[in-house]
Amino acid sequence: MRSALPLVFLLIAISTATVLPPKKAISNTKADEQQQQTKYFHEAGGSLELGHYDARYFRGQVPYEAHGPALRHLIRSWLTTAHDLGIETWLAHGTLLGWWWNGRVMPWDYDLDVQMPTTTLAYLGRHFNRTVYDYQFLMDEDELSAGRGGGRGIAVENGDRGQRVEADKRYVNKTYLLDVNPHYTDIGRGNGHNIIDARWIDVSNGLFIDITGLAERDPAGSPGVWSCKNVHKYRTAELYPVRYTEFEGVPASVPYAFDKILTDEYGSKSLVNTEWAGHHWVPELKEWVKNPELPGEEEADLNKQQQDGNAVVVVVEKTVVKGSQKREP
């Protein structure tokens, strides 16, 4: 069992020093200003994986065995906190694909993605920006066997034996930061540096959830078309009414037409491929399992196969009954 501690909102004061920029031509349009924007979120960088750590909290790469549990608690804490705050949010991109397969994070994912309306994003920016949250959870069996928690252990009372049990074997506290990009109000993409509107960040290691806002950005020219700054577009009927479900064992929401959204973004093979990124699907376990280590040459061939999109495809029998049925007009 995991439980969320009472939310503690700690407003973090940010001190800034004023530095006069070099003289430059004065921009006369909002578009020009957006082209000159500096990047707000900075990643550790250097590789695809390191590009998914917040540079401020990066302490080194999280090993494979601990990466999945870290992402699991990251999304659980976000969904629980969002529910407590009454925040409308739903799973997106690869996180939505993981939900489709087995309601879990894909083991090869580097980060997680959620979306929300820009009106909700504005509410977060006004009232909860730069707040931190303590989250307490009960370690899963795989974490107990590996001896990992990734947070601060606490001691709990064992009523049966009247003894103290070490916290790092049972419960763990972790702290997460909600950081809203000051450019979240921008309508356009600009120079592409600030397409991520907010992040939910694990301050112990820098792993994060990307949060993007959707809006009708051209209501006159394209009514009913919602998009983020990275030009992912959806029809209103594809998003609403959202379906209520579970992800990683906690309540979650997904867009109404999740299957169309996934095939539009990843192709129809994404729902039937049973080998990908060095993992294979085991129907009996309903899990993605990592393949045995391959010799260097074979691994290179596999990576090339995945880059070319030539993964093994089989028909997977699935019964997908998720969430509410669409309401008739």
C-alpha atoms as a PDB file:
ATOM      1  CA  MET A   1       0.000   0.000   0.000  1.00  0.00           C
ATOM      2  CA  ARG A   2       1.183   3.484  -0.652  1.00  0.00           C
ATOM      3  CA  SER A   3      -0.158   6.630   0.800  1.00  0.00           C
ATOM      4  CA  ALA A   4       0.330  10.282   0.105  1.00  0.00           C
ATOM      5  CA  LEU A   5       1.428  12.385   3.051  1.00  0.00           C
ATOM      6  CA  PRO A   6      -0.436  15.655   3.557  1.00  0.00           C
ATOM      7  CA  LEU A   7       0.705  17.896   0.793  1.00  0.00           C
ATOM      8  CA  VAL A   8       3.256  20.406   1.858  1.00  0.00           C
ATOM      9  CA  PHE A   9       3.462  23.451  -0.297  1.00  0.00           C
ATOM     10  CA  LEU A  10       6.859  25.038   0.082  1.00  0.00           C
ATOM     11  CA  LEU A  11       7.205  28.066  -2.034  1.00  0.00           C
ATOM     12  CA  ILE A  12      10.789  28.244  -3.167  1.00  0.00           C
ATOM     13  CA  ALA A  13      12.125  31.752  -3.438  1.00  0.00           C
ATOM     14  CA  ILE A  14      14.220  32.320  -6.501  1.00  0.00           C
ATOM     15  CA  SER A  15      16.838  35.037  -6.354  1.00  0.00           C
ATOM     16  CA  THR A  16      17.795  36.536  -9.652  1.00  0.00           C
ATOM     17  CA  ALA A  17      20.502  38.931 -10.602  1.00  0.00           C
ATOM     18  CA  THR A  18      19.804  41.548 -13.217  1.00  0.00           C
ATOM     19  CA  VAL A  19      22.309  41.423 -16.036  1.00  0.00           C
ATOM     20  CA  LEU A  20      22.080  43.940 -18.804  1.00  0.00           C
ATOM     21  CA  PRO A  21      22.121  42.183 -22.186  1.00  0.00           C
ATOM     22  CA  PRO A  22      24.178  43.513 -25.061  1.00  0.00           C
ATOM     23  CA  LYS A  23      22.426  46.107 -27.145  1.00  0.00           C
ATOM     24  CA  LYS A  24      20.401  44.676 -29.972  1.00  0.00           C
ATOM     25  CA  ALA A  25      17.671  45.705 -32.321  1.00  0.00           C
ATOM     26  CA  ILE A  26      14.356  46.155 -30.559  1.00  0.00           C
ATOM     27  CA  SER A  27      11.794  43.489 -31.454  1.00  0.00           C
ATOM     28  CA  ASN A  28       8.463  44.894 -32.569  1.00  0.00           C
ATOM     29  CA  THR A  29       6.423  41.699 -32.575  1.00  0.00           C
ATOM     30  CA  LYS A  30       5.567  38.924 -30.160  1.00  0.00           C
ATOM     31  CA  ALA A  31       6.816  36.388 -32.715  1.00  0.00           C
ATOM     32  CA  ASP A  32      10.250  38.044 -32.763  1.00  0.00           C
ATOM     33  CA  GLU A  33      10.407  37.921 -28.968  1.00  0.00           C
ATOM     34  CA  GLN A  34       9.604  34.209 -28.973  1.00  0.00           C
ATOM     35  CA  GLN A  35      12.361  33.545 -31.525  1.00  0.00           C
ATOM     36  CA  GLN A  36      14.842  35.081 -29.083  1.00  0.00           C
ATOM     37  CA  GLN A  37      13.689  33.151 -26.019  1.00  0.00           C
ATOM     38  CA  THR A  38      16.215  31.384 -23.842  1.00  0.00           C
ATOM     39  CA  LYS A  39      15.542  27.803 -22.806  1.00  0.00           C
ATOM     40  CA  TYR A  40      13.971  27.424 -19.360  1.00  0.00           C
ATOM     41  CA  PHE A  41      14.373  23.704 -18.683  1.00  0.00           C
ATOM     42  CA  HIS A  42      17.888  22.332 -19.039  1.00  0.00           C
ATOM     43  CA  GLU A  43      18.758  18.643 -19.241  1.00  0.00           C
ATOM     44  CA  ALA A  44      21.934  16.813 -18.290  1.00  0.00           C
ATOM     45  CA  GLY A  45      22.515  16.145 -22.014  1.00  0.00           C
ATOM     46  CA  GLY A  46      25.238  14.220 -23.777  1.00  0.00           C
ATOM     47  CA  SER A  47      23.082  11.289 -24.887  1.00  0.00           C
ATOM     48  CA  LEU A  48      19.442  10.402 -25.521  1.00  0.00           C
ATOM     49  CA  GLU A  49      19.107   9.016 -22.006  1.00  0.00           C
ATOM     50  CA  LEU A  50      20.883  11.915 -20.305  1.00  0.00           C
ATOM     51  CA  GLY A  51      18.563  14.266 -22.177  1.00  0.00           C
ATOM     52  CA  HIS A  52      15.813  13.011 -19.869  1.00  0.00           C
ATOM     53  CA  TYR A  53      17.276  14.209 -16.569  1.00  0.00           C
ATOM     54  CA  ASP A  54      16.813  17.721 -15.179  1.00  0.00           C
ATOM     55  CA  ALA A  55      20.318  19.175 -14.939  1.00  0.00           C
ATOM     56  CA  ARG A  56      19.647  20.820 -11.570  1.00  0.00           C
ATOM     57  CA  TYR A  57      18.989  17.515  -9.809  1.00  0.00           C
ATOM     58  CA  PHE A  58      21.095  15.105 -11.843  1.00  0.00           C
ATOM     59  CA  ARG A  59      23.211  12.837  -9.631  1.00  0.00           C
ATOM     60  CA  GLY A  60      24.243  10.271 -12.216  1.00  0.00           C
ATOM     61  CA  GLN A  61      22.367   7.785 -14.392  1.00  0.00           C
ATOM     62  CA  VAL A  62      19.811   5.634 -12.618  1.00  0.00           C
ATOM     63  CA  PRO A  63      20.620   1.969 -13.420  1.00  0.00           C
ATOM     64  CA  TYR A  64      18.137  -0.121 -15.400  1.00  0.00           C
ATOM     65  CA  GLU A  65      16.938  -2.123 -12.377  1.00  0.00           C
ATOM     66  CA  ALA A  66      16.060   1.053 -10.456  1.00  0.00           C
ATOM     67  CA  HIS A  67      14.878   3.144 -13.414  1.00  0.00           C
ATOM     68  CA  GLY A  68      11.508   1.427 -13.790  1.00  0.00           C
ATOM     69  CA  PRO A  69      10.579   1.734 -10.091  1.00  0.00           C
ATOM     70  CA  ALA A  70      11.705   5.389 -10.090  1.00  0.00           C
ATOM     71  CA  LEU A  71       9.400   6.182 -13.028  1.00  0.00           C
ATOM     72  CA  ARG A  72       6.610   4.154 -11.438  1.00  0.00           C
ATOM     73  CA  HIS A  73       6.686   6.262  -8.283  1.00  0.00           C
ATOM     74  CA  LEU A  74       7.080   9.405 -10.361  1.00  0.00           C
ATOM     75  CA  ILE A  75       3.786   8.830 -12.196  1.00  0.00           C
ATOM     76  CA  ARG A  76       1.998   7.492  -9.109  1.00  0.00           C
ATOM     77  CA  SER A  77       2.940  10.592  -7.125  1.00  0.00           C
ATOM     78  CA  TRP A  78       1.842  12.911  -9.940  1.00  0.00           C
ATOM     79  CA  LEU A  79      -1.514  11.227 -10.511  1.00  0.00           C
ATOM     80  CA  THR A  80      -2.219  11.084  -6.780  1.00  0.00           C
ATOM     81  CA  THR A  81      -1.264  14.719  -6.255  1.00  0.00           C
ATOM     82  CA  ALA A  82      -3.237  15.875  -9.302  1.00  0.00           C
ATOM     83  CA  HIS A  83      -6.283  14.008  -8.019  1.00  0.00           C
ATOM     84  CA  ASP A  84      -5.935  15.605  -4.581  1.00  0.00           C
ATOM     85  CA  LEU A  85      -5.622  19.063  -6.145  1.00  0.00           C
ATOM     86  CA  GLY A  86      -8.541  18.494  -8.526  1.00  0.00           C
ATOM     87  CA  ILE A  87      -6.269  18.852 -11.562  1.00  0.00           C
ATOM     88  CA  GLU A  88      -7.486  17.547 -14.927  1.00  0.00           C
ATOM     89  CA  THR A  89      -4.691  15.582 -16.597  1.00  0.00           C
ATOM     90  CA  TRP A  90      -4.400  12.506 -18.806  1.00  0.00           C
ATOM     91  CA  LEU A  91      -1.708  10.135 -20.049  1.00  0.00           C
ATOM     92  CA  ALA A  92      -0.015  10.942 -23.365  1.00  0.00           C
ATOM     93  CA  HIS A  93       2.500   9.650 -25.939  1.00  0.00           C
ATOM     94  CA  GLY A  94       4.622   6.680 -24.817  1.00  0.00           C
ATOM     95  CA  THR A  95       3.033   6.696 -21.369  1.00  0.00           C
ATOM     96  CA  LEU A  96      -0.381   6.225 -23.002  1.00  0.00           C
ATOM     97  CA  LEU A  97       1.054   3.372 -25.064  1.00  0.00           C
ATOM     98  CA  GLY A  98       2.321   1.703 -21.886  1.00  0.00           C
ATOM     99  CA  TRP A  99      -1.185   1.992 -20.422  1.00  0.00           C
ATOM    100  CA  TRP A 100      -2.635   0.327 -23.544  1.00  0.00           C
ATOM    101  CA  TRP A 101      -0.396  -2.716 -23.239  1.00  0.00           C
ATOM    102  CA  ASN A 102      -0.590  -3.488 -19.541  1.00  0.00           C
ATOM    103  CA  GLY A 103      -1.272  -0.340 -17.539  1.00  0.00           C
ATOM    104  CA  ARG A 104       2.410   0.117 -16.739  1.00  0.00           C
ATOM    105  CA  VAL A 105       5.416   2.196 -17.740  1.00  0.00           C
ATOM    106  CA  MET A 106       7.309   0.789 -20.728  1.00  0.00           C
ATOM    107  CA  PRO A 107      10.618  -0.543 -19.318  1.00  0.00           C
ATOM    108  CA  TRP A 108      12.688   1.233 -22.001  1.00  0.00           C
ATOM    109  CA  ASP A 109      11.071   4.663 -21.525  1.00  0.00           C
ATOM    110  CA  TYR A 110      13.355   7.435 -20.336  1.00  0.00           C
ATOM    111  CA  ASP A 111      10.613   9.771 -19.131  1.00  0.00           C
ATOM    112  CA  LEU A 112       6.832  10.124 -18.905  1.00  0.00           C
ATOM    113  CA  ASP A 113       4.264  12.383 -20.568  1.00  0.00           C
ATOM    114  CA  VAL A 114       0.940  13.852 -19.528  1.00  0.00           C
ATOM    115  CA  GLN A 115      -1.284  16.528 -21.012  1.00  0.00           C
ATOM    116  CA  MET A 116      -3.895  18.959 -19.732  1.00  0.00           C
ATOM    117  CA  PRO A 117      -5.907  21.929 -21.016  1.00  0.00           C
ATOM    118  CA  THR A 118      -4.004  25.215 -21.000  1.00  0.00           C
ATOM    119  CA  THR A 119      -6.649  26.613 -18.645  1.00  0.00           C
ATOM    120  CA  THR A 120      -5.645  23.986 -16.099  1.00  0.00           C
ATOM    121  CA  LEU A 121      -1.989  24.726 -16.782  1.00  0.00           C
ATOM    122  CA  ALA A 122      -2.616  28.407 -16.070  1.00  0.00           C
ATOM    123  CA  TYR A 123      -4.227  27.441 -12.750  1.00  0.00           C
ATOM    124  CA  LEU A 124      -1.119  25.445 -11.835  1.00  0.00           C
ATOM    125  CA  GLY A 125       1.105  28.344 -12.821  1.00  0.00           C
ATOM    126  CA  ARG A 126      -0.813  30.841 -10.698  1.00  0.00           C
ATOM    127  CA  HIS A 127      -1.258  28.768  -7.549  1.00  0.00           C
ATOM    128  CA  PHE A 128       1.239  25.889  -7.408  1.00  0.00           C
ATOM    129  CA  ASN A 129       4.331  26.844  -9.363  1.00  0.00           C
ATOM    130  CA  ARG A 130       7.624  25.890  -7.694  1.00  0.00           C
ATOM    131  CA  THR A 131       5.923  23.903  -4.921  1.00  0.00           C
ATOM    132  CA  VAL A 132       7.333  20.652  -3.586  1.00  0.00           C
ATOM    133  CA  TYR A 133       5.475  17.598  -2.338  1.00  0.00           C
ATOM    134  CA  ASP A 134       6.441  14.801  -0.001  1.00  0.00           C
ATOM    135  CA  TYR A 135       5.135  11.416  -1.070  1.00  0.00           C
ATOM    136  CA  GLN A 136       5.292   8.231   0.999  1.00  0.00           C
ATOM    137  CA  PHE A 137       4.991   4.815  -0.616  1.00  0.00           C
ATOM    138  CA  LEU A 138       5.334   1.168   0.254  1.00  0.00           C
ATOM    139  CA  MET A 139       8.168  -0.444  -1.663  1.00  0.00           C
ATOM    140  CA  ASP A 140       7.189  -3.091  -4.226  1.00  0.00           C
ATOM    141  CA  GLU A 141       8.545  -6.632  -4.148  1.00  0.00           C
ATOM    142  CA  ASP A 142      11.091  -5.954  -6.895  1.00  0.00           C
ATOM    143  CA  GLU A 143      12.459  -2.998  -4.942  1.00  0.00           C
ATOM    144  CA  LEU A 144      12.587  -4.948  -1.706  1.00  0.00           C
ATOM    145  CA  SER A 145      14.527  -7.776  -3.352  1.00  0.00           C
ATOM    146  CA  ALA A 146      16.919  -5.283  -4.941  1.00  0.00           C
ATOM    147  CA  GLY A 147      17.236  -3.252  -1.728  1.00  0.00           C
ATOM    148  CA  ARG A 148      16.345  -0.005  -3.513  1.00  0.00           C
ATOM    149  CA  GLY A 149      13.975   2.785  -2.682  1.00  0.00           C
ATOM    150  CA  GLY A 150      15.621   5.923  -3.907  1.00  0.00           C
ATOM    151  CA  GLY A 151      14.233   8.060  -1.098  1.00  0.00           C
ATOM    152  CA  ARG A 152      14.501   8.746   2.616  1.00  0.00           C
ATOM    153  CA  GLY A 153      13.696   5.721   4.770  1.00  0.00           C
ATOM    154  CA  ILE A 154      11.573   5.964   7.904  1.00  0.00           C
ATOM    155  CA  ALA A 155      11.035   3.467  10.710  1.00  0.00           C
ATOM    156  CA  VAL A 156       7.621   1.872  11.222  1.00  0.00           C
ATOM    157  CA  GLU A 157       6.213  -0.091  14.135  1.00  0.00           C
ATOM    158  CA  ASN A 158       5.742  -3.842  13.726  1.00  0.00           C
ATOM    159  CA  GLY A 159       2.723  -4.563  15.920  1.00  0.00           C
ATOM    160  CA  ASP A 160       3.081  -8.353  15.796  1.00  0.00           C
ATOM    161  CA  ARG A 161       6.554  -8.458  17.299  1.00  0.00           C
ATOM    162  CA  GLY A 162       6.686  -5.069  19.000  1.00  0.00           C
ATOM    163  CA  GLN A 163       9.904  -4.305  17.136  1.00  0.00           C
ATOM    164  CA  ARG A 164      11.061  -1.441  14.982  1.00  0.00           C
ATOM    165  CA  VAL A 165      11.413  -2.281  11.281  1.00  0.00           C
ATOM    166  CA  GLU A 166      13.974  -0.442   9.210  1.00  0.00           C
ATOM    167  CA  ALA A 167      12.205   1.970   6.846  1.00  0.00           C
ATOM    168  CA  ASP A 168      14.382   1.291   3.823  1.00  0.00           C
ATOM    169  CA  LYS A 169      12.831  -2.198   3.777  1.00  0.00           C
ATOM    170  CA  ARG A 170       9.235  -0.976   3.822  1.00  0.00           C
ATOM    171  CA  TYR A 171       8.265   2.680   3.428  1.00  0.00           C
ATOM    172  CA  VAL A 172      10.063   5.439   1.571  1.00  0.00           C
ATOM    173  CA  ASN A 173       9.568   9.195   1.424  1.00  0.00           C
ATOM    174  CA  LYS A 174      10.375  11.025  -1.799  1.00  0.00           C
ATOM    175  CA  THR A 175      10.107  14.685  -2.738  1.00  0.00           C
ATOM    176  CA  TYR A 176       8.858  16.005  -6.060  1.00  0.00           C
ATOM    177  CA  LEU A 177       8.910  19.514  -7.514  1.00  0.00           C
ATOM    178  CA  LEU A 178       6.201  21.026  -9.721  1.00  0.00           C
ATOM    179  CA  ASP A 179       7.974  23.526 -11.977  1.00  0.00           C
ATOM    180  CA  VAL A 180       5.952  25.556 -14.491  1.00  0.00           C
ATOM    181  CA  ASN A 181       7.804  27.140 -17.413  1.00  0.00           C
ATOM    182  CA  PRO A 182       7.261  30.937 -17.372  1.00  0.00           C
ATOM    183  CA  HIS A 183       6.670  30.676 -21.135  1.00  0.00           C
ATOM    184  CA  TYR A 184       3.629  28.431 -20.673  1.00  0.00           C
ATOM    185  CA  THR A 185       1.378  31.303 -21.776  1.00  0.00           C
ATOM    186  CA  ASP A 186       2.942  31.464 -25.252  1.00  0.00           C
ATOM    187  CA  ILE A 187       0.575  30.360 -28.001  1.00  0.00           C
ATOM    188  CA  GLY A 188       3.169  29.526 -30.666  1.00  0.00           C
ATOM    189  CA  ARG A 189       6.175  27.219 -30.790  1.00  0.00           C
ATOM    190  CA  GLY A 190       8.665  30.072 -30.962  1.00  0.00           C
ATOM    191  CA  ASN A 191      12.238  28.861 -31.415  1.00  0.00           C
ATOM    192  CA  GLY A 192      11.358  25.450 -29.952  1.00  0.00           C
ATOM    193  CA  HIS A 193      13.249  25.946 -26.689  1.00  0.00           C
ATOM    194  CA  ASN A 194      10.132  26.043 -24.522  1.00  0.00           C
ATOM    195  CA  ILE A 195       7.679  23.528 -25.942  1.00  0.00           C
ATOM    196  CA  ILE A 196       7.482  21.793 -22.535  1.00  0.00           C
ATOM    197  CA  ASP A 197       5.113  23.795 -20.355  1.00  0.00           C
ATOM    198  CA  ALA A 198       5.833  22.235 -16.960  1.00  0.00           C
ATOM    199  CA  ARG A 199       7.575  19.321 -15.298  1.00  0.00           C
ATOM    200  CA  TRP A 200       7.056  17.091 -12.278  1.00  0.00           C
ATOM    201  CA  ILE A 201      10.605  16.384 -11.125  1.00  0.00           C
ATOM    202  CA  ASP A 202      12.099  13.813  -8.782  1.00  0.00           C
ATOM    203  CA  VAL A 203      14.570  15.981  -6.869  1.00  0.00           C
ATOM    204  CA  SER A 204      16.603  12.941  -5.781  1.00  0.00           C
ATOM    205  CA  ASN A 205      17.766  12.080  -9.311  1.00  0.00           C
ATOM    206  CA  GLY A 206      16.390  14.562 -11.890  1.00  0.00           C
ATOM    207  CA  LEU A 207      13.924  12.208 -13.628  1.00  0.00           C
ATOM    208  CA  PHE A 208      10.784  14.027 -14.727  1.00  0.00           C
ATOM    209  CA  ILE A 209       7.336  13.970 -16.279  1.00  0.00           C
ATOM    210  CA  ASP A 210       6.827  16.340 -19.213  1.00  0.00           C
ATOM    211  CA  ILE A 211       3.576  18.280 -18.869  1.00  0.00           C
ATOM    212  CA  THR A 212       2.164  19.978 -21.962  1.00  0.00           C
ATOM    213  CA  GLY A 213      -0.930  22.097 -22.364  1.00  0.00           C
ATOM    214  CA  LEU A 214      -3.478  21.634 -25.153  1.00  0.00           C
ATOM    215  CA  ALA A 215      -5.609  24.438 -26.549  1.00  0.00           C
ATOM    216  CA  GLU A 216      -7.566  25.473 -29.618  1.00  0.00           C
ATOM    217  CA  ARG A 217      -4.738  27.623 -30.931  1.00  0.00           C
ATOM    218  CA  ASP A 218      -6.618  28.750 -34.040  1.00  0.00           C
ATOM    219  CA  PRO A 219     -10.305  28.681 -33.081  1.00  0.00           C
ATOM    220  CA  ALA A 220     -11.328  30.771 -36.082  1.00  0.00           C
ATOM    221  CA  GLY A 221      -9.377  28.867 -38.729  1.00  0.00           C
ATOM    222  CA  SER A 222      -9.458  25.365 -37.161  1.00  0.00           C
ATOM    223  CA  PRO A 223     -12.286  25.159 -34.633  1.00  0.00           C
ATOM    224  CA  GLY A 224     -12.319  22.015 -32.522  1.00  0.00           C
ATOM    225  CA  VAL A 225      -8.639  21.244 -33.170  1.00  0.00           C
ATOM    226  CA  TRP A 226      -6.486  21.109 -30.046  1.00  0.00           C
ATOM    227  CA  SER A 227      -2.703  21.115 -30.112  1.00  0.00           C
ATOM    228  CA  CYS A 228       0.401  21.591 -28.008  1.00  0.00           C
ATOM    229  CA  LYS A 229       3.373  23.762 -28.978  1.00  0.00           C
ATOM    230  CA  ASN A 230       4.985  20.711 -30.581  1.00  0.00           C
ATOM    231  CA  VAL A 231       2.183  20.439 -33.149  1.00  0.00           C
ATOM    232  CA  HIS A 232       0.517  17.282 -31.836  1.00  0.00           C
ATOM    233  CA  LYS A 233      -3.089  17.825 -32.941  1.00  0.00           C
ATOM    234  CA  TYR A 234      -6.333  16.276 -31.727  1.00  0.00           C
ATOM    235  CA  ARG A 235     -10.039  16.728 -32.361  1.00  0.00           C
ATOM    236  CA  THR A 236     -12.237  17.553 -29.385  1.00  0.00           C
ATOM    237  CA  ALA A 237     -14.086  14.238 -29.836  1.00  0.00           C
ATOM    238  CA  GLU A 238     -10.736  12.388 -29.648  1.00  0.00           C
ATOM    239  CA  LEU A 239      -9.995  13.861 -26.228  1.00  0.00           C
ATOM    240  CA  TYR A 240     -13.393  14.102 -24.571  1.00  0.00           C
ATOM    241  CA  PRO A 241     -15.047  12.647 -22.639  1.00  0.00           C
ATOM    242  CA  VAL A 242     -11.905  11.327 -20.992  1.00  0.00           C
ATOM    243  CA  ARG A 243     -11.961   7.727 -19.774  1.00  0.00           C
ATOM    244  CA  TYR A 244     -11.321   6.944 -16.140  1.00  0.00           C
ATOM    245  CA  THR A 245      -8.998   4.023 -15.578  1.00  0.00           C
ATOM    246  CA  GLU A 246      -5.873   3.017 -13.651  1.00  0.00           C
ATOM    247  CA  PHE A 247      -2.176   3.298 -14.402  1.00  0.00           C
ATOM    248  CA  GLU A 248       0.516   1.713 -12.245  1.00  0.00           C
ATOM    249  CA  GLY A 249      -2.157   0.926  -9.659  1.00  0.00           C
ATOM    250  CA  VAL A 250      -3.564   4.433  -9.143  1.00  0.00           C
ATOM    251  CA  PRO A 251      -6.558   6.260 -10.709  1.00  0.00           C
ATOM    252  CA  ALA A 252      -5.759   7.882 -14.057  1.00  0.00           C
ATOM    253  CA  SER A 253      -7.433   9.322 -17.151  1.00  0.00           C
ATOM    254  CA  VAL A 254      -6.837   8.702 -20.844  1.00  0.00           C
ATOM    255  CA  PRO A 255      -8.255  10.431 -23.955  1.00  0.00           C
ATOM    256  CA  TYR A 256     -11.499   9.014 -25.302  1.00  0.00           C
ATOM    257  CA  ALA A 257     -10.133   7.876 -28.708  1.00  0.00           C
ATOM    258  CA  PHE A 258      -6.898   6.484 -27.272  1.00  0.00           C
ATOM    259  CA  ASP A 259      -6.540   3.854 -30.015  1.00  0.00           C
ATOM    260  CA  LYS A 260      -6.776   6.411 -32.840  1.00  0.00           C
ATOM    261  CA  ILE A 261      -4.403   8.767 -31.062  1.00  0.00           C
ATOM    262  CA  LEU A 262      -1.836   5.992 -30.606  1.00  0.00           C
ATOM    263  CA  THR A 263      -2.019   4.731 -34.199  1.00  0.00           C
ATOM    264  CA  ASP A 264      -1.843   8.280 -35.562  1.00  0.00           C
ATOM    265  CA  GLU A 265       1.319   8.932 -33.551  1.00  0.00           C
ATOM    266  CA  TYR A 266       3.086   5.558 -33.624  1.00  0.00           C
ATOM    267  CA  GLY A 267       1.403   3.583 -36.411  1.00  0.00           C
ATOM    268  CA  SER A 268      -0.842   0.538 -36.180  1.00  0.00           C
ATOM    269  CA  LYS A 269       2.135  -1.775 -35.535  1.00  0.00           C
ATOM    270  CA  SER A 270       2.629  -0.145 -32.149  1.00  0.00           C
ATOM    271  CA  LEU A 271      -0.401  -2.083 -30.903  1.00  0.00           C
ATOM    272  CA  VAL A 272       0.831  -5.482 -32.123  1.00  0.00           C
ATOM    273  CA  ASN A 273       4.652  -5.362 -32.108  1.00  0.00           C
ATOM    274  CA  THR A 274       5.857  -7.857 -29.518  1.00  0.00           C
ATOM    275  CA  GLU A 275       9.573  -7.093 -29.737  1.00  0.00           C
ATOM    276  CA  TRP A 276      10.996  -3.648 -29.238  1.00  0.00           C
ATOM    277  CA  ALA A 277      14.017  -1.879 -27.782  1.00  0.00           C
ATOM    278  CA  GLY A 278      15.643  -5.069 -26.543  1.00  0.00           C
ATOM    279  CA  HIS A 279      12.459  -6.360 -24.869  1.00  0.00           C
ATOM    280  CA  HIS A 280       9.787  -8.884 -25.790  1.00  0.00           C
ATOM    281  CA  TRP A 281       6.165  -9.213 -24.731  1.00  0.00           C
ATOM    282  CA  VAL A 282       5.261 -12.246 -22.592  1.00  0.00           C
ATOM    283  CA  PRO A 283       1.470 -12.792 -22.811  1.00  0.00           C
ATOM    284  CA  GLU A 284       1.380 -15.114 -19.800  1.00  0.00           C
ATOM    285  CA  LEU A 285       2.942 -12.441 -17.605  1.00  0.00           C
ATOM    286  CA  LYS A 286       1.367  -9.503 -19.431  1.00  0.00           C
ATOM    287  CA  GLU A 287       4.740  -7.807 -19.185  1.00  0.00           C
ATOM    288  CA  TRP A 288       7.627  -6.629 -21.332  1.00  0.00           C
ATOM    289  CA  VAL A 289      10.720  -8.632 -20.432  1.00  0.00           C
ATOM    290  CA  LYS A 290      14.275  -7.616 -21.217  1.00  0.00           C
ATOM    291  CA  ASN A 291      16.066  -9.862 -23.702  1.00  0.00           C
ATOM    292  CA  PRO A 292      19.291 -11.612 -22.683  1.00  0.00           C
ATOM    293  CA  GLU A 293      22.418  -9.642 -23.438  1.00  0.00           C
ATOM    294  CA  LEU A 294      23.489 -10.082 -27.065  1.00  0.00           C
ATOM    295  CA  PRO A 295      26.966 -10.061 -28.561  1.00  0.00           C
ATOM    296  CA  GLY A 296      27.911  -6.623 -29.840  1.00  0.00           C
ATOM    297  CA  GLU A 297      27.290  -7.389 -33.517  1.00  0.00           C
ATOM    298  CA  GLU A 298      23.858  -8.929 -32.927  1.00  0.00           C
ATOM    299  CA  GLU A 299      22.872  -6.038 -30.666  1.00  0.00           C
ATOM    300  CA  ALA A 300      23.880  -3.556 -33.363  1.00  0.00           C
ATOM    301  CA  ASP A 301      21.707  -5.446 -35.872  1.00  0.00           C
ATOM    302  CA  LEU A 302      18.779  -5.329 -33.442  1.00  0.00           C
ATOM    303  CA  ASN A 303      19.186  -1.591 -32.885  1.00  0.00           C
ATOM    304  CA  LYS A 304      19.218  -1.033 -36.639  1.00  0.00           C
ATOM    305  CA  GLN A 305      16.094  -3.182 -37.006  1.00  0.00           C
ATOM    306  CA  GLN A 306      14.284  -1.084 -34.419  1.00  0.00           C
ATOM    307  CA  GLN A 307      15.391   2.165 -36.026  1.00  0.00           C
ATOM    308  CA  ASP A 308      14.087   0.909 -39.375  1.00  0.00           C
ATOM    309  CA  GLY A 309      10.793  -0.085 -37.739  1.00  0.00           C
ATOM    310  CA  ASN A 310      11.161  -3.754 -38.758  1.00  0.00           C
ATOM    311  CA  ALA A 311      10.217  -5.272 -35.418  1.00  0.00           C
ATOM    312  CA  VAL A 312       8.532  -8.656 -35.086  1.00  0.00           C
ATOM    313  CA  VAL A 313       4.775  -8.404 -35.470  1.00  0.00           C
ATOM    314  CA  VAL A 314       2.222 -10.911 -34.240  1.00  0.00           C
ATOM    315  CA  VAL A 315      -1.463 -10.641 -33.525  1.00  0.00           C
ATOM    316  CA  VAL A 316      -1.989 -10.305 -29.792  1.00  0.00           C
ATOM    317  CA  GLU A 317      -5.363 -11.333 -28.436  1.00  0.00           C
ATOM    318  CA  LYS A 318      -6.466  -8.577 -26.102  1.00  0.00           C
ATOM    319  CA  THR A 319      -9.704  -7.534 -24.544  1.00  0.00           C
ATOM    320  CA  VAL A 320      -9.518  -3.797 -23.986  1.00  0.00           C
ATOM    321  CA  VAL A 321     -12.389  -2.465 -21.912  1.00  0.00           C
ATOM    322  CA  LYS A 322     -11.207   0.802 -20.458  1.00  0.00           C
ATOM    323  CA  GLY A 323     -13.261   3.575 -18.939  1.00  0.00           C
ATOM    324  CA  SER A 324     -16.663   4.917 -19.711  1.00  0.00           C
ATOM    325  CA  GLN A 325     -18.571   4.540 -22.925  1.00  0.00           C
ATOM    326  CA  LYS A 326     -19.024   7.610 -25.029  1.00  0.00           C
ATOM    327  CA  ARG A 327     -22.215   9.476 -24.321  1.00  0.00           C
ATOM    328  CA  GLU A 328     -24.758   9.632 -27.119  1.00  0.00           C
ATOM    329  CA  PRO A 329     -25.768  13.117 -28.227  1.00  0.00           C
END
